[in-house]
Amino acid sequence: MGEGSEGLRRAGGLISDAARRRRIASPATLMTSRKNAGNAAGIRLFSSSSMRAALDELVPQFERASGCRVAASYDAANLILKRIGNGEAADVAILAGSAIDELTKQGKIAVGSRIDLARSGIGLAVRMGAPRPGIGSVEAFRRALLDAKSVAYTTAGASGVYFEGVIERLGIAAQVNAKARTRPAGLIGELVANGEAEIAIQQIPELMAVAGIELVGPLPPELHRYITLAAGVFSDTRQPETAQALLTFLSTPAAARAMKASGMEPV
């Protein structure tokens, strides 16, 4: 039996965030879970863009193993929260852990359904073949930002919101924002690839997903921050077993390898 099928076989129990332990379900429950997954018309997934590269590989595997279609929608976490607040519905969300917790407090994500999947660092990238600035220390990183002709980052993404705080701490917000190239969300590295910006700051998996640029490295240790990506099941989903089957599938070793290859660190 493959790892994808094994993930579905274990889908009967919710995975707790604190201990990440699965409940042991009876054979009858497991068979029912697989049957429901296979017969399901489909489920909808809201996900942060940083998970897209991994999910582009993993979602088709889950669909083949379960017989269930997954309609995935990717956006910055803050924009997804706004969409949910405006009434958009889904079955599963993969967002920053803080966003999953907020949705749980609002009653939109089922209590106890959260699982942590991976953590994502924030990095700096330049155009392929361009000089690579030193960013190993706070002062070197500060100098790289000041010396760059233009700096690209997202304004609604978790990395962009954090970066805005970093340049405030460094006392260079005015200088950087005077030459900033921003988008609300999306792959900001595209602006570097097409020559609109000299350097880009974003979550490392999103930088790695853009052709024509290369990752210089993460922010220096004193400024670096990991963003934990967590998944949860919506409390009003009509397909709870299928939604939980997807989360179980995403917690398998095979899924962890795909996340690692996309630039994330599985947890």
C-alpha atoms as a PDB file:
ATOM      1  CA  MET A   1       0.000   0.000   0.000  1.00  0.00           C
ATOM      2  CA  GLY A   2       1.399   3.444  -0.979  1.00  0.00           C
ATOM      3  CA  GLU A   3       1.908   6.287   1.456  1.00  0.00           C
ATOM      4  CA  GLY A   4      -1.002   8.232  -0.068  1.00  0.00           C
ATOM      5  CA  SER A   5      -3.398   5.328   0.487  1.00  0.00           C
ATOM      6  CA  GLU A   6      -1.981   4.823   3.967  1.00  0.00           C
ATOM      7  CA  GLY A   7      -2.751   8.459   4.735  1.00  0.00           C
ATOM      8  CA  LEU A   8      -6.357   7.926   3.695  1.00  0.00           C
ATOM      9  CA  ARG A   9      -6.586   4.711   5.727  1.00  0.00           C
ATOM     10  CA  ARG A  10      -5.699   6.646   8.857  1.00  0.00           C
ATOM     11  CA  ALA A  11      -8.143   9.477   8.195  1.00  0.00           C
ATOM     12  CA  GLY A  12     -10.715   8.463  10.800  1.00  0.00           C
ATOM     13  CA  GLY A  13      -9.351  10.549  13.660  1.00  0.00           C
ATOM     14  CA  LEU A  14      -8.636  14.214  14.163  1.00  0.00           C
ATOM     15  CA  ILE A  15      -5.012  15.206  14.747  1.00  0.00           C
ATOM     16  CA  SER A  16      -4.514  17.355  17.830  1.00  0.00           C
ATOM     17  CA  ASP A  17      -2.286  20.408  17.551  1.00  0.00           C
ATOM     18  CA  ALA A  18      -0.684  19.891  20.935  1.00  0.00           C
ATOM     19  CA  ALA A  19       0.378  16.285  20.584  1.00  0.00           C
ATOM     20  CA  ARG A  20      -0.207  15.580  16.850  1.00  0.00           C
ATOM     21  CA  ARG A  21      -1.666  12.196  17.738  1.00  0.00           C
ATOM     22  CA  ARG A  22      -4.235  10.329  15.656  1.00  0.00           C
ATOM     23  CA  ARG A  23      -7.152   8.539  17.268  1.00  0.00           C
ATOM     24  CA  ILE A  24      -7.316   4.846  16.358  1.00  0.00           C
ATOM     25  CA  ALA A  25     -10.489   4.234  14.394  1.00  0.00           C
ATOM     26  CA  SER A  26     -12.258   0.927  13.919  1.00  0.00           C
ATOM     27  CA  PRO A  27     -11.909  -0.879  10.565  1.00  0.00           C
ATOM     28  CA  ALA A  28     -15.548  -0.049   9.828  1.00  0.00           C
ATOM     29  CA  THR A  29     -14.931   3.657  10.411  1.00  0.00           C
ATOM     30  CA  LEU A  30     -11.862   3.629   8.188  1.00  0.00           C
ATOM     31  CA  MET A  31     -13.713   1.856   5.398  1.00  0.00           C
ATOM     32  CA  THR A  32     -16.539   4.379   5.649  1.00  0.00           C
ATOM     33  CA  SER A  33     -14.040   7.243   5.549  1.00  0.00           C
ATOM     34  CA  ARG A  34     -12.436   5.904   2.369  1.00  0.00           C
ATOM     35  CA  LYS A  35     -15.829   5.278   0.787  1.00  0.00           C
ATOM     36  CA  ASN A  36     -16.978   8.802   1.561  1.00  0.00           C
ATOM     37  CA  ALA A  37     -13.704  10.232   0.249  1.00  0.00           C
ATOM     38  CA  GLY A  38     -14.058   8.312  -2.984  1.00  0.00           C
ATOM     39  CA  ASN A  39     -17.682   9.245  -3.536  1.00  0.00           C
ATOM     40  CA  ALA A  40     -17.311  12.889  -2.615  1.00  0.00           C
ATOM     41  CA  ALA A  41     -18.104  15.444  -5.303  1.00  0.00           C
ATOM     42  CA  GLY A  42     -15.124  17.497  -4.213  1.00  0.00           C
ATOM     43  CA  ILE A  43     -13.799  19.779  -1.533  1.00  0.00           C
ATOM     44  CA  ARG A  44     -12.548  23.347  -1.596  1.00  0.00           C
ATOM     45  CA  LEU A  45      -9.178  24.381  -0.196  1.00  0.00           C
ATOM     46  CA  PHE A  46      -8.006  27.869   0.753  1.00  0.00           C
ATOM     47  CA  SER A  47      -4.215  28.067   1.032  1.00  0.00           C
ATOM     48  CA  SER A  48      -1.439  30.582   1.478  1.00  0.00           C
ATOM     49  CA  SER A  49       0.585  31.034  -1.686  1.00  0.00           C
ATOM     50  CA  SER A  50       3.712  29.774   0.072  1.00  0.00           C
ATOM     51  CA  MET A  51       2.277  26.233  -0.004  1.00  0.00           C
ATOM     52  CA  ARG A  52       1.404  26.286  -3.676  1.00  0.00           C
ATOM     53  CA  ALA A  53       4.518  24.584  -5.055  1.00  0.00           C
ATOM     54  CA  ALA A  54       4.162  21.664  -2.641  1.00  0.00           C
ATOM     55  CA  LEU A  55       0.413  21.384  -3.148  1.00  0.00           C
ATOM     56  CA  ASP A  56       0.758  21.430  -6.936  1.00  0.00           C
ATOM     57  CA  GLU A  57       2.486  18.077  -6.465  1.00  0.00           C
ATOM     58  CA  LEU A  58       0.489  16.725  -3.532  1.00  0.00           C
ATOM     59  CA  VAL A  59      -3.100  17.573  -4.466  1.00  0.00           C
ATOM     60  CA  PRO A  60      -3.082  15.431  -7.653  1.00  0.00           C
ATOM     61  CA  GLN A  61      -1.679  12.534  -5.592  1.00  0.00           C
ATOM     62  CA  PHE A  62      -4.512  12.892  -3.091  1.00  0.00           C
ATOM     63  CA  GLU A  63      -7.091  13.105  -5.870  1.00  0.00           C
ATOM     64  CA  ARG A  64      -5.806   9.890  -7.448  1.00  0.00           C
ATOM     65  CA  ALA A  65      -5.709   8.071  -4.096  1.00  0.00           C
ATOM     66  CA  SER A  66      -9.106   9.266  -2.865  1.00  0.00           C
ATOM     67  CA  GLY A  67     -11.160   9.821  -5.997  1.00  0.00           C
ATOM     68  CA  CYS A  68     -12.050  13.246  -4.627  1.00  0.00           C
ATOM     69  CA  ARG A  69     -11.471  16.488  -6.492  1.00  0.00           C
ATOM     70  CA  VAL A  70      -9.815  19.387  -4.661  1.00  0.00           C
ATOM     71  CA  ALA A  71     -10.489  22.932  -5.839  1.00  0.00           C
ATOM     72  CA  ALA A  72      -7.561  24.936  -4.471  1.00  0.00           C
ATOM     73  CA  SER A  73      -7.513  28.724  -4.184  1.00  0.00           C
ATOM     74  CA  TYR A  74      -4.240  30.487  -3.304  1.00  0.00           C
ATOM     75  CA  ASP A  75      -3.765  33.965  -1.879  1.00  0.00           C
ATOM     76  CA  ALA A  76      -2.047  35.890   0.904  1.00  0.00           C
ATOM     77  CA  ALA A  77      -3.312  34.821   4.315  1.00  0.00           C
ATOM     78  CA  ASN A  78      -4.678  38.283   5.152  1.00  0.00           C
ATOM     79  CA  LEU A  79      -6.639  38.374   1.899  1.00  0.00           C
ATOM     80  CA  ILE A  80      -8.032  34.888   2.511  1.00  0.00           C
ATOM     81  CA  LEU A  81      -9.174  35.989   5.959  1.00  0.00           C
ATOM     82  CA  LYS A  82     -10.999  38.915   4.355  1.00  0.00           C
ATOM     83  CA  ARG A  83     -12.624  36.595   1.827  1.00  0.00           C
ATOM     84  CA  ILE A  84     -13.803  34.281   4.598  1.00  0.00           C
ATOM     85  CA  GLY A  85     -15.097  37.286   6.524  1.00  0.00           C
ATOM     86  CA  ASN A  86     -17.055  38.301   3.426  1.00  0.00           C
ATOM     87  CA  GLY A  87     -18.774  34.919   3.345  1.00  0.00           C
ATOM     88  CA  GLU A  88     -16.657  32.738   1.071  1.00  0.00           C
ATOM     89  CA  ALA A  89     -16.765  29.096   2.121  1.00  0.00           C
ATOM     90  CA  ALA A  90     -14.357  26.188   1.903  1.00  0.00           C
ATOM     91  CA  ASP A  91     -13.695  22.832   3.532  1.00  0.00           C
ATOM     92  CA  VAL A  92      -9.999  23.107   4.439  1.00  0.00           C
ATOM     93  CA  ALA A  93      -7.653  26.033   5.086  1.00  0.00           C
ATOM     94  CA  ILE A  94      -3.850  26.047   5.085  1.00  0.00           C
ATOM     95  CA  LEU A  95      -2.632  29.347   6.492  1.00  0.00           C
ATOM     96  CA  ALA A  96      -0.221  30.798   8.997  1.00  0.00           C
ATOM     97  CA  GLY A  97      -0.856  29.219  12.373  1.00  0.00           C
ATOM     98  CA  SER A  98      -2.007  32.532  13.813  1.00  0.00           C
ATOM     99  CA  ALA A  99      -4.659  32.795  11.099  1.00  0.00           C
ATOM    100  CA  ILE A 100      -5.912  29.257  11.771  1.00  0.00           C
ATOM    101  CA  ASP A 101      -6.116  30.103  15.480  1.00  0.00           C
ATOM    102  CA  GLU A 102      -8.079  33.274  14.722  1.00  0.00           C
ATOM    103  CA  LEU A 103     -10.535  31.359  12.544  1.00  0.00           C
ATOM    104  CA  THR A 104     -10.916  28.773  15.316  1.00  0.00           C
ATOM    105  CA  LYS A 105     -11.764  31.521  17.816  1.00  0.00           C
ATOM    106  CA  GLN A 106     -14.371  32.803  15.360  1.00  0.00           C
ATOM    107  CA  GLY A 107     -15.903  29.323  15.157  1.00  0.00           C
ATOM    108  CA  LYS A 108     -15.061  28.934  11.475  1.00  0.00           C
ATOM    109  CA  ILE A 109     -12.389  26.228  11.921  1.00  0.00           C
ATOM    110  CA  ALA A 110     -13.335  23.145  13.948  1.00  0.00           C
ATOM    111  CA  VAL A 111     -11.731  22.990  17.371  1.00  0.00           C
ATOM    112  CA  GLY A 112      -9.081  20.251  17.489  1.00  0.00           C
ATOM    113  CA  SER A 113      -8.665  19.986  13.721  1.00  0.00           C
ATOM    114  CA  ARG A 114      -5.497  22.080  13.450  1.00  0.00           C
ATOM    115  CA  ILE A 115      -2.281  20.352  12.414  1.00  0.00           C
ATOM    116  CA  ASP A 116       1.066  22.055  11.829  1.00  0.00           C
ATOM    117  CA  LEU A 117       2.547  21.069   8.470  1.00  0.00           C
ATOM    118  CA  ALA A 118       5.739  23.052   7.931  1.00  0.00           C
ATOM    119  CA  ARG A 119       7.501  26.293   8.644  1.00  0.00           C
ATOM    120  CA  SER A 120       8.674  28.772   6.059  1.00  0.00           C
ATOM    121  CA  GLY A 121      11.568  31.201   6.356  1.00  0.00           C
ATOM    122  CA  ILE A 122      11.812  34.663   4.817  1.00  0.00           C
ATOM    123  CA  GLY A 123      14.598  35.314   2.338  1.00  0.00           C
ATOM    124  CA  LEU A 124      16.121  37.670  -0.207  1.00  0.00           C
ATOM    125  CA  ALA A 125      16.521  36.911  -3.906  1.00  0.00           C
ATOM    126  CA  VAL A 126      18.169  38.582  -6.905  1.00  0.00           C
ATOM    127  CA  ARG A 127      17.975  38.080 -10.640  1.00  0.00           C
ATOM    128  CA  MET A 128      19.832  35.025 -11.915  1.00  0.00           C
ATOM    129  CA  GLY A 129      23.474  35.923 -12.503  1.00  0.00           C
ATOM    130  CA  ALA A 130      23.277  39.272 -10.707  1.00  0.00           C
ATOM    131  CA  PRO A 131      25.756  40.120  -7.920  1.00  0.00           C
ATOM    132  CA  ARG A 132      24.712  38.539  -4.639  1.00  0.00           C
ATOM    133  CA  PRO A 133      24.819  41.001  -1.733  1.00  0.00           C
ATOM    134  CA  GLY A 134      26.104  39.854   1.621  1.00  0.00           C
ATOM    135  CA  ILE A 135      23.243  39.552   4.097  1.00  0.00           C
ATOM    136  CA  GLY A 136      24.807  37.457   6.854  1.00  0.00           C
ATOM    137  CA  SER A 137      24.662  40.208   9.474  1.00  0.00           C
ATOM    138  CA  VAL A 138      22.148  42.880  10.367  1.00  0.00           C
ATOM    139  CA  GLU A 139      24.438  45.642   9.129  1.00  0.00           C
ATOM    140  CA  ALA A 140      25.160  43.811   5.862  1.00  0.00           C
ATOM    141  CA  PHE A 141      21.439  43.264   5.277  1.00  0.00           C
ATOM    142  CA  ARG A 142      20.716  46.906   6.065  1.00  0.00           C
ATOM    143  CA  ARG A 143      23.400  47.989   3.616  1.00  0.00           C
ATOM    144  CA  ALA A 144      22.043  45.672   0.915  1.00  0.00           C
ATOM    145  CA  LEU A 145      18.605  47.270   1.220  1.00  0.00           C
ATOM    146  CA  LEU A 146      20.032  50.791   1.072  1.00  0.00           C
ATOM    147  CA  ASP A 147      22.321  50.021  -1.870  1.00  0.00           C
ATOM    148  CA  ALA A 148      19.650  48.310  -3.970  1.00  0.00           C
ATOM    149  CA  LYS A 149      18.073  50.440  -6.666  1.00  0.00           C
ATOM    150  CA  SER A 150      14.667  48.892  -5.915  1.00  0.00           C
ATOM    151  CA  VAL A 151      13.175  46.463  -3.402  1.00  0.00           C
ATOM    152  CA  ALA A 152      10.103  44.297  -4.032  1.00  0.00           C
ATOM    153  CA  TYR A 153       7.804  42.891  -1.367  1.00  0.00           C
ATOM    154  CA  THR A 154       4.116  42.137  -0.842  1.00  0.00           C
ATOM    155  CA  THR A 155       1.953  44.399   1.289  1.00  0.00           C
ATOM    156  CA  ALA A 156      -0.702  41.846   2.352  1.00  0.00           C
ATOM    157  CA  GLY A 157       1.424  38.708   2.647  1.00  0.00           C
ATOM    158  CA  ALA A 158       2.815  37.591   6.001  1.00  0.00           C
ATOM    159  CA  SER A 159       6.399  38.134   4.838  1.00  0.00           C
ATOM    160  CA  GLY A 160       5.676  41.642   3.585  1.00  0.00           C
ATOM    161  CA  VAL A 161       3.918  42.694   6.770  1.00  0.00           C
ATOM    162  CA  TYR A 162       6.877  41.381   8.764  1.00  0.00           C
ATOM    163  CA  PHE A 163       9.393  43.081   6.442  1.00  0.00           C
ATOM    164  CA  GLU A 164       7.683  46.424   6.959  1.00  0.00           C
ATOM    165  CA  GLY A 165       8.326  45.999  10.667  1.00  0.00           C
ATOM    166  CA  VAL A 166      11.969  45.057  10.027  1.00  0.00           C
ATOM    167  CA  ILE A 167      12.778  48.182   8.049  1.00  0.00           C
ATOM    168  CA  GLU A 168      11.087  50.267  10.734  1.00  0.00           C
ATOM    169  CA  ARG A 169      13.341  48.642  13.344  1.00  0.00           C
ATOM    170  CA  LEU A 170      16.385  49.312  11.169  1.00  0.00           C
ATOM    171  CA  GLY A 171      15.406  52.961  10.752  1.00  0.00           C
ATOM    172  CA  ILE A 172      15.350  52.799   6.942  1.00  0.00           C
ATOM    173  CA  ALA A 173      11.633  52.521   6.171  1.00  0.00           C
ATOM    174  CA  ALA A 174      11.485  55.864   4.354  1.00  0.00           C
ATOM    175  CA  GLN A 175      14.511  55.082   2.161  1.00  0.00           C
ATOM    176  CA  VAL A 176      13.322  51.580   1.257  1.00  0.00           C
ATOM    177  CA  ASN A 177       9.712  52.531   0.605  1.00  0.00           C
ATOM    178  CA  ALA A 178      10.806  55.397  -1.646  1.00  0.00           C
ATOM    179  CA  LYS A 179      12.105  52.782  -4.088  1.00  0.00           C
ATOM    180  CA  ALA A 180       9.786  49.884  -3.234  1.00  0.00           C
ATOM    181  CA  ARG A 181       7.980  47.845  -5.868  1.00  0.00           C
ATOM    182  CA  THR A 182       4.988  46.259  -4.165  1.00  0.00           C
ATOM    183  CA  ARG A 183       1.987  44.068  -4.842  1.00  0.00           C
ATOM    184  CA  PRO A 184      -0.737  43.064  -2.391  1.00  0.00           C
ATOM    185  CA  ALA A 185       0.132  39.386  -2.872  1.00  0.00           C
ATOM    186  CA  GLY A 186       1.472  36.884  -5.403  1.00  0.00           C
ATOM    187  CA  LEU A 187       5.002  35.876  -6.362  1.00  0.00           C
ATOM    188  CA  ILE A 188       6.910  39.111  -5.862  1.00  0.00           C
ATOM    189  CA  GLY A 189      10.057  37.542  -7.308  1.00  0.00           C
ATOM    190  CA  GLU A 190       8.482  37.948 -10.731  1.00  0.00           C
ATOM    191  CA  LEU A 191       9.296  41.665 -10.517  1.00  0.00           C
ATOM    192  CA  VAL A 192      12.973  40.763 -10.137  1.00  0.00           C
ATOM    193  CA  ALA A 193      12.844  38.196 -12.934  1.00  0.00           C
ATOM    194  CA  ASN A 194      11.436  40.743 -15.401  1.00  0.00           C
ATOM    195  CA  GLY A 195      13.769  43.548 -14.335  1.00  0.00           C
ATOM    196  CA  GLU A 196      11.272  45.735 -12.478  1.00  0.00           C
ATOM    197  CA  ALA A 197      13.095  45.327  -9.165  1.00  0.00           C
ATOM    198  CA  GLU A 198      16.644  44.518  -8.090  1.00  0.00           C
ATOM    199  CA  ILE A 199      15.927  42.425  -4.998  1.00  0.00           C
ATOM    200  CA  ALA A 200      12.865  40.688  -3.584  1.00  0.00           C
ATOM    201  CA  ILE A 201      11.886  39.821  -0.022  1.00  0.00           C
ATOM    202  CA  GLN A 202       9.360  37.037   0.509  1.00  0.00           C
ATOM    203  CA  GLN A 203       8.886  33.597   1.994  1.00  0.00           C
ATOM    204  CA  ILE A 204      11.584  31.294   0.645  1.00  0.00           C
ATOM    205  CA  PRO A 205       9.210  28.793  -1.062  1.00  0.00           C
ATOM    206  CA  GLU A 206       7.618  31.633  -3.005  1.00  0.00           C
ATOM    207  CA  LEU A 207      11.007  32.939  -4.130  1.00  0.00           C
ATOM    208  CA  MET A 208      12.089  29.441  -5.160  1.00  0.00           C
ATOM    209  CA  ALA A 209       8.939  29.092  -7.292  1.00  0.00           C
ATOM    210  CA  VAL A 210      10.014  31.899  -9.665  1.00  0.00           C
ATOM    211  CA  ALA A 211      12.202  31.086 -12.669  1.00  0.00           C
ATOM    212  CA  GLY A 212      14.995  33.505 -13.473  1.00  0.00           C
ATOM    213  CA  ILE A 213      15.896  34.498  -9.912  1.00  0.00           C
ATOM    214  CA  GLU A 214      18.118  32.928  -7.261  1.00  0.00           C
ATOM    215  CA  LEU A 215      17.858  32.851  -3.515  1.00  0.00           C
ATOM    216  CA  VAL A 216      20.687  34.681  -1.747  1.00  0.00           C
ATOM    217  CA  GLY A 217      19.633  33.360   1.638  1.00  0.00           C
ATOM    218  CA  PRO A 218      17.400  33.939   4.638  1.00  0.00           C
ATOM    219  CA  LEU A 219      17.359  37.170   6.598  1.00  0.00           C
ATOM    220  CA  PRO A 220      20.185  37.361   9.173  1.00  0.00           C
ATOM    221  CA  PRO A 221      19.471  35.376  12.355  1.00  0.00           C
ATOM    222  CA  GLU A 222      18.727  38.456  14.462  1.00  0.00           C
ATOM    223  CA  LEU A 223      15.991  39.499  12.028  1.00  0.00           C
ATOM    224  CA  HIS A 224      14.830  36.161  10.685  1.00  0.00           C
ATOM    225  CA  ARG A 225      11.394  34.785  11.374  1.00  0.00           C
ATOM    226  CA  TYR A 226       9.766  31.461  10.593  1.00  0.00           C
ATOM    227  CA  ILE A 227       6.110  31.357   9.632  1.00  0.00           C
ATOM    228  CA  THR A 228       4.377  28.143  10.670  1.00  0.00           C
ATOM    229  CA  LEU A 229       1.875  26.852   8.115  1.00  0.00           C
ATOM    230  CA  ALA A 230      -1.031  25.003   9.679  1.00  0.00           C
ATOM    231  CA  ALA A 231      -4.144  23.324   8.330  1.00  0.00           C
ATOM    232  CA  GLY A 232      -7.657  23.096   9.726  1.00  0.00           C
ATOM    233  CA  VAL A 233     -11.101  21.839   8.758  1.00  0.00           C
ATOM    234  CA  PHE A 234     -13.948  24.322   8.463  1.00  0.00           C
ATOM    235  CA  SER A 235     -16.606  23.721  11.096  1.00  0.00           C
ATOM    236  CA  ASP A 236     -19.446  23.927   8.562  1.00  0.00           C
ATOM    237  CA  THR A 237     -17.958  21.608   5.963  1.00  0.00           C
ATOM    238  CA  ARG A 238     -20.404  19.098   4.543  1.00  0.00           C
ATOM    239  CA  GLN A 239     -17.574  16.631   3.955  1.00  0.00           C
ATOM    240  CA  PRO A 240     -15.684  16.418   7.255  1.00  0.00           C
ATOM    241  CA  GLU A 241     -14.260  12.943   6.644  1.00  0.00           C
ATOM    242  CA  THR A 242     -12.888  13.862   3.229  1.00  0.00           C
ATOM    243  CA  ALA A 243     -11.499  17.124   4.555  1.00  0.00           C
ATOM    244  CA  GLN A 244      -9.805  15.261   7.410  1.00  0.00           C
ATOM    245  CA  ALA A 245      -8.501  12.689   4.930  1.00  0.00           C
ATOM    246  CA  LEU A 246      -6.700  15.488   3.098  1.00  0.00           C
ATOM    247  CA  LEU A 247      -5.095  16.723   6.310  1.00  0.00           C
ATOM    248  CA  THR A 248      -3.991  13.200   7.177  1.00  0.00           C
ATOM    249  CA  PHE A 249      -2.530  12.788   3.699  1.00  0.00           C
ATOM    250  CA  LEU A 250      -0.610  16.042   4.107  1.00  0.00           C
ATOM    251  CA  SER A 251       0.956  14.740   7.320  1.00  0.00           C
ATOM    252  CA  THR A 252       2.585  11.702   5.659  1.00  0.00           C
ATOM    253  CA  PRO A 253       6.365  11.387   5.068  1.00  0.00           C
ATOM    254  CA  ALA A 254       5.786  11.714   1.311  1.00  0.00           C
ATOM    255  CA  ALA A 255       4.077  15.066   1.846  1.00  0.00           C
ATOM    256  CA  ALA A 256       6.909  16.191   4.110  1.00  0.00           C
ATOM    257  CA  ARG A 257       9.424  15.448   1.353  1.00  0.00           C
ATOM    258  CA  ALA A 258       7.448  17.526  -1.153  1.00  0.00           C
ATOM    259  CA  MET A 259       7.280  20.433   1.280  1.00  0.00           C
ATOM    260  CA  LYS A 260      11.013  20.231   1.930  1.00  0.00           C
ATOM    261  CA  ALA A 261      11.755  20.223  -1.805  1.00  0.00           C
ATOM    262  CA  SER A 262       9.693  23.406  -2.199  1.00  0.00           C
ATOM    263  CA  GLY A 263      11.804  25.234   0.397  1.00  0.00           C
ATOM    264  CA  MET A 264       9.839  24.564   3.561  1.00  0.00           C
ATOM    265  CA  GLU A 265      10.914  22.826   6.747  1.00  0.00           C
ATOM    266  CA  PRO A 266       8.414  20.106   7.739  1.00  0.00           C
ATOM    267  CA  VAL A 267       7.478  20.065  11.421  1.00  0.00           C
END
